[in-house]
Amino acid sequence: MTVTISKHFEALVDELVREGCFLGADEVVENALYLLKDEYALYKVKREELRKEIQIGIDQADRGELIEGELVFDRLHAKVEAALGKVS
């Protein structure tokens, strides 16, 4: 397999090898792919969790368990203000 990368990433690979972080370009790319694989696996888990949360909301709405929009925004506003107050 032959892969072409941008000059920017080529320079990064060269630097990582030159500084002794990796033995060669193939090792840099392999490690990068392992990180990408882990990140993608985490993305899939988070996506599935989000789908479940959305379904919970849909089920609640179907049962009529809704909160007025104005109340939701008031609560969110209060949370933001409290968080900003803690930061200051």
Protein backbone atom coordinates (compact mmCIF):
# COMPACT_ATOMS: atom_id res chain seq x y z
CA MET A 1 0.00 0.00 0.00
CA THR A 2 1.27 3.44 -0.87
CA VAL A 3 -0.05 6.47 0.95
CA THR A 4 0.61 10.11 0.13
CA ILE A 5 0.49 12.66 2.94
CA SER A 6 0.75 16.43 2.96
CA LYS A 7 4.11 18.14 3.47
CA HIS A 8 2.91 19.26 6.90
CA PHE A 9 2.37 15.71 8.11
CA GLU A 10 5.48 14.48 6.35
CA ALA A 11 7.49 17.00 8.36
CA LEU A 12 5.81 15.83 11.55
CA VAL A 13 6.60 12.20 10.79
CA ASP A 14 10.22 13.10 10.04
CA GLU A 15 10.50 15.06 13.27
CA LEU A 16 9.05 12.20 15.36
CA VAL A 17 11.50 9.75 13.82
CA ARG A 18 14.45 12.16 14.07
CA GLU A 19 13.75 12.78 17.78
CA GLY A 20 13.71 9.05 18.42
CA CYS A 21 10.02 8.76 19.27
CA PHE A 22 9.59 6.10 16.60
CA LEU A 23 11.94 3.87 14.62
CA GLY A 24 10.49 4.80 11.24
CA ALA A 25 7.64 6.38 9.32
CA ASP A 26 5.73 3.09 9.21
CA GLU A 27 5.73 2.95 13.02
CA VAL A 28 4.43 6.53 13.23
CA VAL A 29 1.57 5.76 10.85
CA GLU A 30 0.75 2.48 12.58
CA ASN A 31 0.54 4.22 15.97
CA ALA A 32 -1.60 6.97 14.47
CA LEU A 33 -3.97 4.36 13.07
CA TYR A 34 -4.24 2.67 16.46
CA LEU A 35 -5.25 6.03 17.96
CA LEU A 36 -7.76 6.59 15.17
CA LYS A 37 -9.18 3.11 15.73
CA ASP A 38 -9.64 3.84 19.46
CA GLU A 39 -11.18 7.24 18.73
CA TYR A 40 -13.61 5.71 16.25
CA ALA A 41 -14.61 2.99 18.74
CA LEU A 42 -15.30 5.68 21.35
CA TYR A 43 -17.31 7.67 18.79
CA LYS A 44 -19.49 4.62 18.11
CA VAL A 45 -20.12 4.09 21.83
CA LYS A 46 -21.01 7.76 22.34
CA ARG A 47 -23.28 7.71 19.28
CA GLU A 48 -25.13 4.69 20.64
CA GLU A 49 -25.49 6.32 24.06
CA LEU A 50 -26.88 9.44 22.40
CA ARG A 51 -29.39 7.36 20.44
CA LYS A 52 -30.54 5.75 23.68
CA GLU A 53 -30.92 9.15 25.36
CA ILE A 54 -32.89 10.45 22.39
CA GLN A 55 -35.18 7.42 22.53
CA ILE A 56 -35.74 8.03 26.24
CA GLY A 57 -36.82 11.59 25.39
CA ILE A 58 -39.10 10.39 22.60
CA ASP A 59 -40.69 7.84 24.92
CA GLN A 60 -41.21 10.51 27.58
CA ALA A 61 -42.79 12.84 25.04
CA ASP A 62 -45.06 10.04 23.83
CA ARG A 63 -46.22 9.60 27.43
CA GLY A 64 -46.85 13.34 27.74
CA GLU A 65 -43.97 13.86 30.18
CA LEU A 66 -42.93 17.21 28.76
CA ILE A 67 -41.55 20.38 30.32
CA GLU A 68 -42.46 23.83 29.02
CA GLY A 69 -39.69 25.27 26.85
CA GLU A 70 -39.49 28.49 28.85
CA LEU A 71 -38.87 26.52 32.06
CA VAL A 72 -36.13 24.48 30.36
CA PHE A 73 -34.37 27.62 29.18
CA ASP A 74 -34.73 29.26 32.60
CA ARG A 75 -33.06 26.22 34.19
CA LEU A 76 -30.28 26.21 31.58
CA HIS A 77 -29.72 29.91 32.07
CA ALA A 78 -29.44 29.40 35.84
CA LYS A 79 -26.92 26.57 35.34
CA VAL A 80 -24.81 28.72 33.02
CA GLU A 81 -24.87 31.64 35.43
CA ALA A 82 -23.92 29.35 38.32
CA ALA A 83 -21.06 27.86 36.32
CA LEU A 84 -19.80 31.28 35.28
CA GLY A 85 -20.04 32.44 38.85
CA LYS A 86 -17.82 29.57 39.95
CA VAL A 87 -15.22 30.38 37.29
CA SER A 88 -14.89 34.06 38.19
